[in-house]
Amino acid sequence: LVGRIVEVGSTWSKVMTLVDGDSSVAGLLERTRDNGMVKGTVGLEGDNGMLRMYYLPFDANLTSGDRVVTSGMGGYFQKGLLIGTVLEVDRSTDSGEQYALIKPAVDFQHLENVLVLPLPEEVPEVTE
């Protein structure tokens, strides 16, 4: 996953990449099925071009190398698109929370081509 289109013109599109400090996407740890929010770090203090996954359960069993994919929540991205892999986990005993440092699956330094996917179709409401 590269990011989200935020502006379009007649022959161009502007993309907010995943690593942008203003970007966030609902993520899912592929192995454990735990949900969290993946946020970019570029432009923020401690910027390292990586991602951070927040709002993880404190007892989530994360390990280095775990794959993070889109969860499909929020309606912007379909479920199962690769976001990246866990590099390290930080468990803060004071707050009872943990976050994971994620290496993006995309090499943003050498990105040349992208595939644009339309927004997922809305699921119709069931009425009785």
Protein backbone atom coordinates (compact mmCIF):
# COMPACT_ATOMS: atom_id res chain seq x y z
CA LEU A 1 0.00 0.00 0.00
CA VAL A 2 1.42 3.36 -1.05
CA GLY A 3 -1.21 5.79 0.19
CA ARG A 4 -4.43 7.57 -0.67
CA ILE A 5 -5.35 10.02 -3.43
CA VAL A 6 -6.20 13.35 -1.82
CA GLU A 7 -6.50 15.60 -4.88
CA VAL A 8 -7.11 15.06 -8.60
CA GLY A 9 -6.76 17.09 -11.77
CA SER A 10 -7.53 16.34 -15.39
CA THR A 11 -4.20 14.52 -15.94
CA TRP A 12 -2.71 14.12 -12.45
CA SER A 13 -3.37 12.95 -8.89
CA LYS A 14 -1.81 13.97 -5.59
CA VAL A 15 -1.15 11.13 -3.16
CA MET A 16 -0.67 11.26 0.60
CA THR A 17 1.75 8.41 1.26
CA LEU A 18 1.47 6.06 4.21
CA VAL A 19 4.65 7.43 5.76
CA ASP A 20 3.29 11.01 5.87
CA GLY A 21 2.79 12.17 9.47
CA ASP A 22 -0.83 13.11 8.67
CA SER A 23 -1.64 9.67 7.24
CA SER A 24 -3.34 6.81 9.05
CA VAL A 25 -4.92 3.50 8.06
CA ALA A 26 -6.67 0.74 10.00
CA GLY A 27 -4.30 -2.23 10.19
CA LEU A 28 -4.49 -5.89 11.11
CA LEU A 29 -1.69 -8.16 12.29
CA GLU A 30 -1.91 -11.06 9.87
CA ARG A 31 -0.79 -13.76 12.33
CA THR A 32 -2.68 -12.74 15.48
CA ARG A 33 -5.64 -10.88 13.87
CA ASP A 34 -5.20 -7.97 16.32
CA ASN A 35 -6.38 -4.57 15.04
CA GLY A 36 -4.69 -1.21 15.40
CA MET A 37 -4.11 2.11 13.67
CA VAL A 38 -1.03 2.55 11.48
CA LYS A 39 0.34 6.09 11.27
CA GLY A 40 3.21 7.66 9.32
CA THR A 41 6.20 9.39 10.89
CA VAL A 42 7.52 11.67 8.10
CA GLY A 43 7.37 15.29 9.17
CA LEU A 44 7.04 14.43 12.87
CA GLU A 45 9.61 14.47 15.64
CA GLY A 46 11.66 11.28 15.46
CA ASP A 47 10.92 10.92 11.73
CA ASN A 48 12.58 7.80 10.40
CA GLY A 49 10.46 7.02 7.35
CA MET A 50 8.81 4.17 9.20
CA LEU A 51 5.27 3.58 10.42
CA ARG A 52 3.90 3.08 13.91
CA MET A 53 0.95 0.88 14.81
CA TYR A 54 -1.01 2.16 17.81
CA TYR A 55 -4.05 1.09 19.86
CA LEU A 56 -2.92 -2.52 20.07
CA PRO A 57 -4.13 -4.67 22.95
CA PHE A 58 -1.46 -4.86 25.66
CA ASP A 59 -1.62 -8.66 25.58
CA ALA A 60 -1.26 -8.85 21.77
CA ASN A 61 1.51 -11.32 20.93
CA LEU A 62 3.52 -9.29 18.40
CA THR A 63 6.93 -10.34 17.20
CA SER A 64 9.48 -8.94 14.81
CA GLY A 65 8.65 -10.04 11.27
CA ASP A 66 4.86 -10.12 11.73
CA ARG A 67 3.07 -8.83 8.62
CA VAL A 68 0.58 -5.95 8.88
CA VAL A 69 -2.23 -5.68 6.31
CA THR A 70 -5.20 -3.37 5.85
CA SER A 71 -8.18 -4.39 7.99
CA GLY A 72 -10.86 -3.05 5.65
CA MET A 73 -12.31 -0.89 8.44
CA GLY A 74 -13.00 2.74 7.62
CA GLY A 75 -13.97 2.17 3.99
CA TYR A 76 -10.84 3.55 2.29
CA PHE A 77 -8.95 0.36 1.57
CA GLN A 78 -9.99 -3.19 0.89
CA LYS A 79 -8.96 -5.80 3.45
CA GLY A 80 -5.66 -7.61 3.07
CA LEU A 81 -3.37 -5.10 1.30
CA LEU A 82 0.18 -5.40 2.64
CA ILE A 83 1.26 -2.39 4.71
CA GLY A 84 4.57 -3.67 6.09
CA THR A 85 6.33 -5.82 8.68
CA VAL A 86 6.94 -5.36 12.40
CA LEU A 87 10.51 -4.35 13.24
CA GLU A 88 10.15 -3.93 17.00
CA VAL A 89 7.54 -3.69 19.74
CA ASP A 90 7.47 -1.12 22.55
CA ARG A 91 5.38 -2.06 25.59
CA SER A 92 4.77 0.83 27.97
CA THR A 93 3.88 -0.61 31.36
CA ASP A 94 2.85 2.84 32.64
CA SER A 95 0.01 3.30 30.17
CA GLY A 96 -0.82 -0.37 29.62
CA GLU A 97 -0.43 0.11 25.87
CA GLN A 98 2.02 -1.02 23.26
CA TYR A 99 2.94 0.09 19.78
CA ALA A 100 4.87 -1.51 16.96
CA LEU A 101 7.45 0.05 14.66
CA ILE A 102 6.56 -1.04 11.11
CA LYS A 103 8.83 -1.12 8.06
CA PRO A 104 6.68 -0.20 5.03
CA ALA A 105 6.39 -2.83 2.31
CA VAL A 106 6.97 -0.06 -0.25
CA ASP A 107 10.44 1.37 -0.90
CA PHE A 108 9.35 5.01 -1.14
CA GLN A 109 12.88 6.09 -2.16
CA HIS A 110 12.65 4.07 -5.40
CA LEU A 111 8.94 4.08 -6.20
CA GLU A 112 8.20 4.44 -9.93
CA ASN A 113 4.75 3.03 -10.73
CA VAL A 114 1.59 2.53 -8.72
CA LEU A 115 -1.76 0.88 -9.33
CA VAL A 116 -4.80 2.95 -8.39
CA LEU A 117 -7.69 0.96 -6.94
CA PRO A 118 -11.19 2.42 -6.66
CA LEU A 119 -12.81 2.78 -3.25
CA PRO A 120 -14.53 -0.43 -2.14
CA GLU A 121 -18.22 -0.50 -2.97
CA GLU A 122 -20.46 0.29 -0.05
CA VAL A 123 -22.34 -2.62 1.43
CA PRO A 124 -26.08 -1.92 1.15
CA GLU A 125 -28.00 -1.65 4.39
CA VAL A 126 -30.25 -4.56 5.23
CA THR A 127 -33.81 -3.46 5.91
CA GLU A 128 -36.51 -5.65 7.24
